[in-house]
Amino acid sequence: MKARPATSRETRRWPVRKAAAALLSLSMSLAFAAHAQTIYKCKGPDGRMTYSNQACAGEGDALSKSGVRKSEASARPAAAEPPPPPGARQCENGPLLKPVVAKLDSPSTPDDVRAFLADERFRLVRCDYVRFTPEERRARDAAMADIDARDPARRKAAMQRVLALYETRAAGPASR
């Protein structure tokens, strides 16, 4: 059987078909490139596992496309840990930060406390706690224990005591 000669109408469709095929090929290659990004499985301070496209700050593993852990060598080249950025503070705040984050993530935490705990977490990350004197630290710890109270008035008073400690510390020693 002989192939019939192309008509002018079919000849005009070839550039459109080539363009459509090229567009389809390009879109599929972009989709596969986006799909091939590394995914990180991170263990949070409360023990929950989260998945992200950014490297984990604490415990975590890089996963391949199939969900299997990548080897340390292929995940990231071994290099010395970069120095902290200028002005960054480093303090031992883990023991203080852990219960704040746990309370913040707990579904049983009252709504009036959540905003305060988020601010407290930020203050701890900024290392504001290390500026306290031992007496101020004990007062802050006692007030933080009262945050768990069932009485809303007692919780509010505890939050105000903690805030007052930070405000007097931020004002400096001259104003005391």
Protein backbone atom coordinates (compact mmCIF):
# COMPACT_ATOMS: atom_id res chain seq x y z
CA MET A 1 0.00 0.00 0.00
CA LYS A 2 1.32 3.36 -0.97
CA ALA A 3 1.39 6.23 1.46
CA ARG A 4 -0.71 9.02 0.25
CA PRO A 5 0.98 12.32 -0.38
CA ALA A 6 0.65 15.00 2.29
CA THR A 7 -1.90 17.61 1.58
CA SER A 8 -1.29 21.24 2.16
CA ARG A 9 -3.52 21.14 5.25
CA GLU A 10 -1.41 18.38 6.88
CA THR A 11 1.79 20.19 5.94
CA ARG A 12 0.62 23.29 7.78
CA ARG A 13 -0.04 21.27 10.97
CA TRP A 14 3.54 20.01 11.32
CA PRO A 15 5.00 23.18 12.90
CA VAL A 16 2.12 23.28 15.37
CA ARG A 17 2.61 19.63 16.26
CA LYS A 18 6.37 20.10 16.68
CA ALA A 19 5.80 23.12 18.93
CA ALA A 20 3.23 21.20 20.98
CA ALA A 21 5.59 18.24 21.34
CA ALA A 22 8.45 20.54 22.38
CA LEU A 23 6.23 22.30 24.91
CA LEU A 24 5.04 18.99 26.33
CA SER A 25 8.62 17.74 26.56
CA LEU A 26 9.76 20.92 28.32
CA SER A 27 6.90 20.89 30.83
CA MET A 28 7.51 17.23 31.68
CA SER A 29 11.24 17.79 32.19
CA LEU A 30 10.50 20.72 34.52
CA ALA A 31 7.99 18.62 36.45
CA PHE A 32 10.54 15.83 36.89
CA ALA A 33 13.24 18.31 37.91
CA ALA A 34 10.95 19.77 40.58
CA HIS A 35 10.05 16.29 41.75
CA ALA A 36 13.72 15.31 42.12
CA GLN A 37 14.44 17.84 44.88
CA THR A 38 15.84 16.50 48.13
CA ILE A 39 13.38 16.07 50.97
CA TYR A 40 14.52 16.13 54.58
CA LYS A 41 12.90 14.17 57.39
CA CYS A 42 13.37 16.16 60.61
CA LYS A 43 12.74 15.22 64.21
CA GLY A 44 11.44 18.21 66.18
CA PRO A 45 12.18 19.04 69.82
CA ASP A 46 8.87 17.45 70.81
CA GLY A 47 9.72 14.23 68.97
CA ARG A 48 7.36 14.75 66.02
CA MET A 49 8.63 14.02 62.52
CA THR A 50 8.25 16.70 59.86
CA TYR A 51 9.24 16.76 56.21
CA SER A 52 10.80 19.77 54.51
CA ASN A 53 12.76 20.78 51.44
CA GLN A 54 15.30 22.54 53.71
CA ALA A 55 18.00 20.84 55.75
CA CYS A 56 17.17 20.03 59.35
CA ALA A 57 18.52 22.17 62.17
CA GLY A 58 18.70 19.27 64.63
CA GLU A 59 18.21 15.57 64.08
CA GLY A 60 17.19 14.57 60.59
CA ASP A 61 18.03 12.72 57.40
CA ALA A 62 17.99 13.55 53.72
CA LEU A 63 15.68 11.25 51.79
CA SER A 64 15.95 10.10 48.20
CA LYS A 65 13.03 10.18 45.78
CA SER A 66 11.93 6.75 46.98
CA GLY A 67 11.96 7.85 50.64
CA VAL A 68 15.13 5.92 51.50
CA ARG A 69 17.83 7.74 53.48
CA LYS A 70 20.68 9.07 51.40
CA SER A 71 24.18 8.32 52.55
CA GLU A 72 25.98 11.08 54.37
CA ALA A 73 28.44 11.50 51.51
CA SER A 74 25.82 11.96 48.81
CA ALA A 75 23.47 14.11 50.90
CA ARG A 76 25.99 16.89 51.55
CA PRO A 77 29.73 17.15 51.11
CA ALA A 78 31.60 16.90 54.38
CA ALA A 79 32.72 20.34 55.43
CA ALA A 80 33.44 22.17 58.62
CA GLU A 81 30.43 23.78 60.21
CA PRO A 82 30.24 27.41 59.11
CA PRO A 83 30.77 30.02 61.81
CA PRO A 84 27.66 31.73 63.14
CA PRO A 85 26.74 35.00 61.45
CA PRO A 86 28.09 38.16 63.07
CA GLY A 87 25.97 39.30 65.95
CA ALA A 88 24.40 35.86 66.47
CA ARG A 89 24.23 34.80 70.08
CA GLN A 90 24.84 31.31 71.32
CA CYS A 91 23.54 30.24 74.69
CA GLU A 92 22.55 27.03 76.38
CA ASN A 93 18.79 27.47 76.23
CA GLY A 94 17.71 23.91 75.40
CA PRO A 95 16.45 22.99 78.88
CA LEU A 96 14.37 26.18 79.01
CA LEU A 97 13.19 26.07 75.43
CA LYS A 98 11.98 22.48 75.45
CA PRO A 99 9.05 22.90 77.92
CA VAL A 100 8.01 26.19 76.29
CA VAL A 101 7.82 24.56 72.86
CA ALA A 102 6.04 21.51 74.33
CA LYS A 103 3.40 23.73 75.95
CA LEU A 104 3.08 25.79 72.79
CA ASP A 105 2.48 22.68 70.68
CA SER A 106 0.12 21.05 73.17
CA PRO A 107 -3.57 21.15 72.22
CA SER A 108 -4.46 21.50 75.91
CA THR A 109 -2.66 24.86 76.22
CA PRO A 110 -5.23 27.66 76.75
CA ASP A 111 -5.50 30.23 73.98
CA ASP A 112 -4.63 33.14 76.29
CA VAL A 113 -1.23 31.56 76.91
CA ARG A 114 -0.25 30.69 73.31
CA ALA A 115 0.79 34.21 72.23
CA PHE A 116 2.80 34.64 75.42
CA LEU A 117 4.57 31.29 74.89
CA ALA A 118 5.41 32.19 71.29
CA ASP A 119 7.00 35.43 72.52
CA GLU A 120 8.80 33.56 75.30
CA ARG A 121 10.21 31.11 72.78
CA PHE A 122 11.49 34.06 70.73
CA ARG A 123 13.07 35.65 73.83
CA LEU A 124 14.79 32.37 74.70
CA VAL A 125 16.12 31.96 71.17
CA ARG A 126 17.52 35.52 71.39
CA CYS A 127 19.22 34.47 74.66
CA ASP A 128 17.52 37.19 76.70
CA TYR A 129 17.31 34.81 79.66
CA VAL A 130 21.07 34.73 80.20
CA ARG A 131 21.05 38.40 81.19
CA PHE A 132 18.97 37.68 84.28
CA THR A 133 20.51 37.60 87.72
CA PRO A 134 20.02 34.36 89.70
CA GLU A 135 17.15 35.97 91.65
CA GLU A 136 15.45 37.07 88.43
CA ARG A 137 15.88 33.57 87.00
CA ARG A 138 14.21 32.02 90.04
CA ALA A 139 11.36 34.54 89.80
CA ARG A 140 10.92 33.80 86.10
CA ASP A 141 10.93 30.04 86.68
CA ALA A 142 8.33 30.37 89.47
CA ALA A 143 6.12 32.52 87.25
CA MET A 144 6.48 30.05 84.35
CA ALA A 145 5.28 27.29 86.69
CA ASP A 146 2.13 29.34 87.35
CA ILE A 147 1.42 29.51 83.58
CA ASP A 148 0.00 25.98 83.92
CA ALA A 149 -2.62 27.12 86.46
CA ARG A 150 -6.29 26.51 85.65
CA ASP A 151 -7.28 29.94 86.96
CA PRO A 152 -7.07 32.50 84.11
CA ALA A 153 -6.36 35.35 86.56
CA ARG A 154 -3.40 33.46 88.01
CA ARG A 155 -2.07 32.69 84.50
CA LYS A 156 -2.40 36.35 83.52
CA ALA A 157 -0.56 37.49 86.66
CA ALA A 158 2.24 34.99 85.96
CA MET A 159 2.60 36.23 82.37
CA GLN A 160 2.74 39.83 83.60
CA ARG A 161 5.45 38.95 86.13
CA VAL A 162 7.60 37.37 83.41
CA LEU A 163 7.06 40.31 81.07
CA ALA A 164 7.97 42.74 83.86
CA LEU A 165 11.25 40.89 84.40
CA TYR A 166 12.17 41.21 80.73
CA GLU A 167 11.12 44.87 80.63
CA THR A 168 13.22 45.81 83.67
CA ARG A 169 16.17 43.91 82.20
CA ALA A 170 15.73 45.64 78.81
CA ALA A 171 15.52 49.06 80.49
CA GLY A 172 18.98 48.52 81.92
CA PRO A 173 20.51 48.80 85.38
CA ALA A 174 20.24 52.61 85.48
CA SER A 175 16.45 52.59 85.68
CA ARG A 176 16.27 50.11 88.58
